[in-house]
C-alpha atoms as a PDB file:
ATOM      1  CA  UNK A   1      67.277 109.330  84.936  1.00  0.00           C
ATOM      2  CA  UNK A   2      68.920 110.592  81.787  1.00  0.00           C
ATOM      3  CA  UNK A   3      71.058 113.680  81.724  1.00  0.00           C
ATOM      4  CA  UNK A   4      70.620 116.237  78.983  1.00  0.00           C
ATOM      5  CA  UNK A   5      74.217 117.375  79.554  1.00  0.00           C
ATOM      6  CA  UNK A   6      76.521 116.571  76.675  1.00  0.00           C
ATOM      7  CA  UNK A   7      79.816 115.052  77.809  1.00  0.00           C
ATOM      8  CA  UNK A   8      82.768 116.533  75.951  1.00  0.00           C
ATOM      9  CA  UNK A   9      85.296 114.020  74.666  1.00  0.00           C
ATOM     10  CA  UNK A  10      88.973 114.808  74.282  1.00  0.00           C
ATOM     11  CA  UNK A  11      91.926 113.051  72.730  1.00  0.00           C
ATOM     12  CA  UNK A  12      94.817 112.058  74.959  1.00  0.00           C
ATOM     13  CA  UNK A  13      96.965 114.704  73.273  1.00  0.00           C
ATOM     14  CA  UNK A  14      94.352 117.412  74.004  1.00  0.00           C
ATOM     15  CA  UNK A  15      94.228 116.246  77.613  1.00  0.00           C
ATOM     16  CA  UNK A  16      98.018 116.512  77.963  1.00  0.00           C
ATOM     17  CA  UNK A  17      97.989 120.041  76.529  1.00  0.00           C
ATOM     18  CA  UNK A  18      95.289 121.108  78.999  1.00  0.00           C
ATOM     19  CA  UNK A  19      97.067 119.345  81.865  1.00  0.00           C
ATOM     20  CA  UNK A  20     100.228 121.375  81.217  1.00  0.00           C
ATOM     21  CA  UNK A  21      98.260 124.611  81.653  1.00  0.00           C
ATOM     22  CA  UNK A  22      95.985 123.485  84.484  1.00  0.00           C
ATOM     23  CA  UNK A  23      96.206 124.740  88.052  1.00  0.00           C
ATOM     24  CA  UNK A  24      95.117 121.355  89.393  1.00  0.00           C
ATOM     25  CA  UNK A  25      95.649 117.739  88.351  1.00  0.00           C
ATOM     26  CA  UNK A  26      93.109 115.738  86.385  1.00  0.00           C
ATOM     27  CA  UNK A  27      92.941 112.149  85.241  1.00  0.00           C
ATOM     28  CA  UNK A  28      91.892 110.944  81.809  1.00  0.00           C
ATOM     29  CA  UNK A  29      89.603 108.039  80.976  1.00  0.00           C
ATOM     30  CA  UNK A  30      88.279 107.246  77.499  1.00  0.00           C
ATOM     31  CA  UNK A  31      88.002 110.845  76.347  1.00  0.00           C
ATOM     32  CA  UNK A  32      86.715 112.263  79.628  1.00  0.00           C
ATOM     33  CA  UNK A  33      88.738 114.393  82.033  1.00  0.00           C
ATOM     34  CA  UNK A  34      88.159 113.984  85.762  1.00  0.00           C
ATOM     35  CA  UNK A  35      89.413 116.641  88.182  1.00  0.00           C
ATOM     36  CA  UNK A  36      91.149 115.104  91.166  1.00  0.00           C
ATOM     37  CA  UNK A  37      89.682 115.991  94.522  1.00  0.00           C
ATOM     38  CA  UNK A  38      91.804 117.497  97.254  1.00  0.00           C
ATOM     39  CA  UNK A  39      93.385 115.052  99.657  1.00  0.00           C
ATOM     40  CA  UNK A  40      93.316 114.853 103.421  1.00  0.00           C
ATOM     41  CA  UNK A  41      96.174 115.038 105.890  1.00  0.00           C
ATOM     42  CA  UNK A  42      96.095 111.272 106.415  1.00  0.00           C
ATOM     43  CA  UNK A  43      95.916 110.518 102.684  1.00  0.00           C
ATOM     44  CA  UNK A  44      98.940 112.712 102.029  1.00  0.00           C
ATOM     45  CA  UNK A  45     100.932 111.326 104.958  1.00  0.00           C
ATOM     46  CA  UNK A  46     100.249 107.691 104.059  1.00  0.00           C
ATOM     47  CA  UNK A  47     101.281 108.304 100.441  1.00  0.00           C
ATOM     48  CA  UNK A  48     104.458 110.052 101.585  1.00  0.00           C
ATOM     49  CA  UNK A  49     105.246 107.278 104.066  1.00  0.00           C
ATOM     50  CA  UNK A  50     104.887 104.601 101.401  1.00  0.00           C
ATOM     51  CA  UNK A  51     107.104 106.487  98.946  1.00  0.00           C
ATOM     52  CA  UNK A  52     109.741 107.094 101.637  1.00  0.00           C
ATOM     53  CA  UNK A  53     109.776 103.542 102.986  1.00  0.00           C
ATOM     54  CA  UNK A  54     109.897 101.924  99.541  1.00  0.00           C
ATOM     55  CA  UNK A  55     112.500 104.437  98.381  1.00  0.00           C
ATOM     56  CA  UNK A  56     114.726 103.581 101.341  1.00  0.00           C
ATOM     57  CA  UNK A  57     114.275  99.824 100.795  1.00  0.00           C
ATOM     58  CA  UNK A  58     115.069 100.041  97.083  1.00  0.00           C
ATOM     59  CA  UNK A  59     117.968 102.518  97.300  1.00  0.00           C
ATOM     60  CA  UNK A  60     120.972 101.546  95.159  1.00  0.00           C
ATOM     61  CA  UNK A  61     118.976  98.979  93.174  1.00  0.00           C
ATOM     62  CA  UNK A  62     117.449  98.944  89.682  1.00  0.00           C
ATOM     63  CA  UNK A  63     114.057 100.279  90.862  1.00  0.00           C
ATOM     64  CA  UNK A  64     112.915 103.865  91.418  1.00  0.00           C
ATOM     65  CA  UNK A  65     109.945 105.095  93.445  1.00  0.00           C
ATOM     66  CA  UNK A  66     107.743 107.903  92.141  1.00  0.00           C
ATOM     67  CA  UNK A  67     105.117 109.951  93.955  1.00  0.00           C
ATOM     68  CA  UNK A  68     101.816 111.291  92.710  1.00  0.00           C
ATOM     69  CA  UNK A  69     103.139 113.776  90.145  1.00  0.00           C
ATOM     70  CA  UNK A  70     103.977 111.335  87.360  1.00  0.00           C
ATOM     71  CA  UNK A  71     101.233 110.100  85.031  1.00  0.00           C
ATOM     72  CA  UNK A  72     100.736 106.464  84.092  1.00  0.00           C
ATOM     73  CA  UNK A  73      99.405 105.918  80.578  1.00  0.00           C
ATOM     74  CA  UNK A  74      97.309 102.828  79.909  1.00  0.00           C
ATOM     75  CA  UNK A  75      96.970 102.964  76.137  1.00  0.00           C
ATOM     76  CA  UNK A  76      94.775  99.853  75.868  1.00  0.00           C
ATOM     77  CA  UNK A  77      92.194 101.497  78.158  1.00  0.00           C
ATOM     78  CA  UNK A  78      92.690 105.000  76.702  1.00  0.00           C
ATOM     79  CA  UNK A  79      93.406 106.234  80.232  1.00  0.00           C
ATOM     80  CA  UNK A  80      95.972 108.094  82.311  1.00  0.00           C
ATOM     81  CA  UNK A  81      96.144 108.302  86.087  1.00  0.00           C
ATOM     82  CA  UNK A  82      98.263 109.804  88.860  1.00  0.00           C
ATOM     83  CA  UNK A  83      98.832 106.939  91.313  1.00  0.00           C
ATOM     84  CA  UNK A  84      99.760 107.869  94.881  1.00  0.00           C
ATOM     85  CA  UNK A  85     103.001 105.918  94.473  1.00  0.00           C
ATOM     86  CA  UNK A  86     104.554 103.653  91.875  1.00  0.00           C
ATOM     87  CA  UNK A  87     107.745 101.703  91.360  1.00  0.00           C
ATOM     88  CA  UNK A  88     109.491 101.305  88.013  1.00  0.00           C
ATOM     89  CA  UNK A  89     112.383  98.893  87.582  1.00  0.00           C
ATOM     90  CA  UNK A  90     114.979  98.860  84.829  1.00  0.00           C
ATOM     91  CA  UNK A  91     114.293 102.337  83.432  1.00  0.00           C
ATOM     92  CA  UNK A  92     111.232 104.367  82.617  1.00  0.00           C
ATOM     93  CA  UNK A  93     109.304 103.957  79.376  1.00  0.00           C
ATOM     94  CA  UNK A  94     108.021 107.469  78.645  1.00  0.00           C
ATOM     95  CA  UNK A  95     105.304 108.289  76.140  1.00  0.00           C
ATOM     96  CA  UNK A  96     107.080 111.473  75.016  1.00  0.00           C
ATOM     97  CA  UNK A  97     110.251 113.497  75.327  1.00  0.00           C
ATOM     98  CA  UNK A  98     108.621 115.595  78.074  1.00  0.00           C
ATOM     99  CA  UNK A  99     109.093 112.718  80.522  1.00  0.00           C
ATOM    100  CA  UNK A 100     105.804 113.326  82.335  1.00  0.00           C
ATOM    101  CA  UNK A 101     103.960 110.120  81.422  1.00  0.00           C
ATOM    102  CA  UNK A 102     105.175 106.524  81.805  1.00  0.00           C
ATOM    103  CA  UNK A 103     103.710 103.199  80.771  1.00  0.00           C
ATOM    104  CA  UNK A 104     105.782 100.592  82.635  1.00  0.00           C
ATOM    105  CA  UNK A 105     105.220 100.571  86.413  1.00  0.00           C
ATOM    106  CA  UNK A 106     105.942  97.305  88.189  1.00  0.00           C
ATOM    107  CA  UNK A 107     103.961  98.239  91.303  1.00  0.00           C
ATOM    108  CA  UNK A 108     101.212 100.841  91.761  1.00  0.00           C
ATOM    109  CA  UNK A 109      99.826 102.108  95.075  1.00  0.00           C
ATOM    110  CA  UNK A 110      96.491 103.880  95.541  1.00  0.00           C
ATOM    111  CA  UNK A 111      95.491 105.272  98.952  1.00  0.00           C
ATOM    112  CA  UNK A 112      91.713 105.058  99.241  1.00  0.00           C
ATOM    113  CA  UNK A 113      89.447 108.050  99.769  1.00  0.00           C
ATOM    114  CA  UNK A 114      85.705 107.923 100.398  1.00  0.00           C
ATOM    115  CA  UNK A 115      85.051 109.491  96.999  1.00  0.00           C
ATOM    116  CA  UNK A 116      87.394 107.208  95.008  1.00  0.00           C
ATOM    117  CA  UNK A 117      87.334 103.822  96.794  1.00  0.00           C
ATOM    118  CA  UNK A 118      84.868 102.101  94.452  1.00  0.00           C
ATOM    119  CA  UNK A 119      86.652 103.451  91.352  1.00  0.00           C
ATOM    120  CA  UNK A 120      90.125 102.489  92.669  1.00  0.00           C
ATOM    121  CA  UNK A 121      88.943  98.921  93.327  1.00  0.00           C
ATOM    122  CA  UNK A 122      86.888  98.671  90.127  1.00  0.00           C
ATOM    123  CA  UNK A 123      87.351 100.593  86.896  1.00  0.00           C
ATOM    124  CA  UNK A 124      90.788 101.953  87.649  1.00  0.00           C
ATOM    125  CA  UNK A 125      92.098  98.495  88.573  1.00  0.00           C
ATOM    126  CA  UNK A 126      90.585  97.030  85.387  1.00  0.00           C
ATOM    127  CA  UNK A 127      92.516  99.659  83.430  1.00  0.00           C
ATOM    128  CA  UNK A 128      95.767  99.177  85.351  1.00  0.00           C
ATOM    129  CA  UNK A 129      95.716  95.403  84.895  1.00  0.00           C
ATOM    130  CA  UNK A 130      96.123  95.962  81.136  1.00  0.00           C
ATOM    131  CA  UNK A 131      99.690  97.169  81.803  1.00  0.00           C
ATOM    132  CA  UNK A 132     101.946  94.240  80.912  1.00  0.00           C
ATOM    133  CA  UNK A 133     104.635  95.493  83.304  1.00  0.00           C
ATOM    134  CA  UNK A 134     102.355  95.665  86.360  1.00  0.00           C
ATOM    135  CA  UNK A 135     102.998  92.879  88.871  1.00  0.00           C
ATOM    136  CA  UNK A 136     101.297  94.262  92.001  1.00  0.00           C
ATOM    137  CA  UNK A 137      98.437  96.687  92.581  1.00  0.00           C
ATOM    138  CA  UNK A 138      98.307  97.922  96.161  1.00  0.00           C
ATOM    139  CA  UNK A 139      95.254  99.476  97.801  1.00  0.00           C
ATOM    140  CA  UNK A 140      95.828 101.187 101.136  1.00  0.00           C
ATOM    141  CA  UNK A 141      92.971 102.021 103.499  1.00  0.00           C
ATOM    142  CA  UNK A 142      93.272 105.283 105.371  1.00  0.00           C
ATOM    143  CA  UNK A 143      90.611 104.706 108.047  1.00  0.00           C
ATOM    144  CA  UNK A 144      92.095 101.448 109.346  1.00  0.00           C
ATOM    145  CA  UNK A 145      95.492  99.742 109.053  1.00  0.00           C
ATOM    146  CA  UNK A 146      94.770  97.485 106.085  1.00  0.00           C
ATOM    147  CA  UNK A 147      96.599  96.971 102.817  1.00  0.00           C
ATOM    148  CA  UNK A 148      95.292  94.828  99.952  1.00  0.00           C
ATOM    149  CA  UNK A 149      97.872  93.595  97.451  1.00  0.00           C
ATOM    150  CA  UNK A 150      96.649  92.239  94.126  1.00  0.00           C
ATOM    151  CA  UNK A 151      99.342  90.112  92.491  1.00  0.00           C
ATOM    152  CA  UNK A 152      99.496  89.015  88.873  1.00  0.00           C
ATOM    153  CA  UNK A 153      99.718  85.237  88.553  1.00  0.00           C
ATOM    154  CA  UNK A 154     102.110  83.790  85.962  1.00  0.00           C
ATOM    155  CA  UNK A 155      99.169  82.084  84.267  1.00  0.00           C
ATOM    156  CA  UNK A 156      97.111  85.292  84.160  1.00  0.00           C
ATOM    157  CA  UNK A 157      94.539  86.661  86.535  1.00  0.00           C
ATOM    158  CA  UNK A 158      95.175  88.126  89.949  1.00  0.00           C
ATOM    159  CA  UNK A 159      95.344  86.954  93.546  1.00  0.00           C
ATOM    160  CA  UNK A 160      94.568  89.068  96.607  1.00  0.00           C
ATOM    161  CA  UNK A 161      96.495  89.115  99.867  1.00  0.00           C
ATOM    162  CA  UNK A 162      95.204  91.287 102.718  1.00  0.00           C
ATOM    163  CA  UNK A 163      97.486  92.620 105.444  1.00  0.00           C
ATOM    164  CA  UNK A 164      95.946  94.212 108.540  1.00  0.00           C
ATOM    165  CA  UNK A 165      96.962  95.530 111.936  1.00  0.00           C
ATOM    166  CA  UNK A 166      99.849  97.767 112.923  1.00  0.00           C
ATOM    167  CA  UNK A 167     101.865  94.831 114.253  1.00  0.00           C
ATOM    168  CA  UNK A 168     101.939  93.082 110.865  1.00  0.00           C
ATOM    169  CA  UNK A 169     103.929  93.661 107.727  1.00  0.00           C
ATOM    170  CA  UNK A 170     103.041  93.824 104.058  1.00  0.00           C
ATOM    171  CA  UNK A 171     104.961  91.884 101.426  1.00  0.00           C
ATOM    172  CA  UNK A 172     105.690  93.374  98.049  1.00  0.00           C
ATOM    173  CA  UNK A 173     106.796  90.161  96.351  1.00  0.00           C
ATOM    174  CA  UNK A 174     107.600  91.752  92.994  1.00  0.00           C
ATOM    175  CA  UNK A 175     110.207  93.904  94.766  1.00  0.00           C
ATOM    176  CA  UNK A 176     111.340  91.279  97.286  1.00  0.00           C
ATOM    177  CA  UNK A 177     110.519  93.730 100.096  1.00  0.00           C
ATOM    178  CA  UNK A 178     108.526  93.379 103.317  1.00  0.00           C
ATOM    179  CA  UNK A 179     107.545  96.519 105.238  1.00  0.00           C
ATOM    180  CA  UNK A 180     105.955  96.875 108.697  1.00  0.00           C
ATOM    181  CA  UNK A 181     102.478  98.371 108.423  1.00  0.00           C
ATOM    182  CA  UNK A 182     103.394 100.640 111.341  1.00  0.00           C
ATOM    183  CA  UNK A 183     105.885 102.385 109.024  1.00  0.00           C
ATOM    184  CA  UNK A 184     103.285 102.910 106.304  1.00  0.00           C
ATOM    185  CA  UNK A 185     100.876 104.358 108.871  1.00  0.00           C
ATOM    186  CA  UNK A 186     103.449 106.387 110.831  1.00  0.00           C
ATOM    187  CA  UNK A 187     101.783 109.543 112.202  1.00  0.00           C
ATOM    188  CA  UNK A 188      98.226 108.259 111.738  1.00  0.00           C
ATOM    189  CA  UNK A 189      96.020 108.033 114.841  1.00  0.00           C
ATOM    190  CA  UNK A 190      93.190 105.594 114.270  1.00  0.00           C
ATOM    191  CA  UNK A 191      91.694 106.333 117.690  1.00  0.00           C
ATOM    192  CA  UNK A 192      90.592 109.855 116.773  1.00  0.00           C
ATOM    193  CA  UNK A 193      87.103 110.424 115.409  1.00  0.00           C
END
């Protein structure tokens, strides 16, 4: 079924201008602007837990952890996203003097939602993998204790390691850090409907 609606296309610069004035966050992909849906309690808590745990592990080192308020620009895909968490090592590479958009994360974390799961695993990952700095892309389930870590191979391409269960731990090899899944899911009750 074809839509008669015309899709408006914007430049990245137009998007940034609108984003500065907006009351809610939006992401940008190839000229289109996508409003971000509101999160759930569990989504917010998992994202906060990951940022806190990684921040504590990386304290006093060359890497910094950022939450969901800093944009990542993927110029090769003409896209910008707000990941739930990201780690940048060795200094941020900003796209402008405003310091609101970076292009050099080493690790990116997305907490899945029902409405974004397919996009996070598909199109968004295909965009993120164009970032030369990105070493690990982490997808965190919120309905069960499971974390998928996509790792860039030295020869190109990606491998997938899956970590599941609250008694296990997830390895972030690019950061030389291992974290118990129970810490990432602290405060989440999987037994409730």
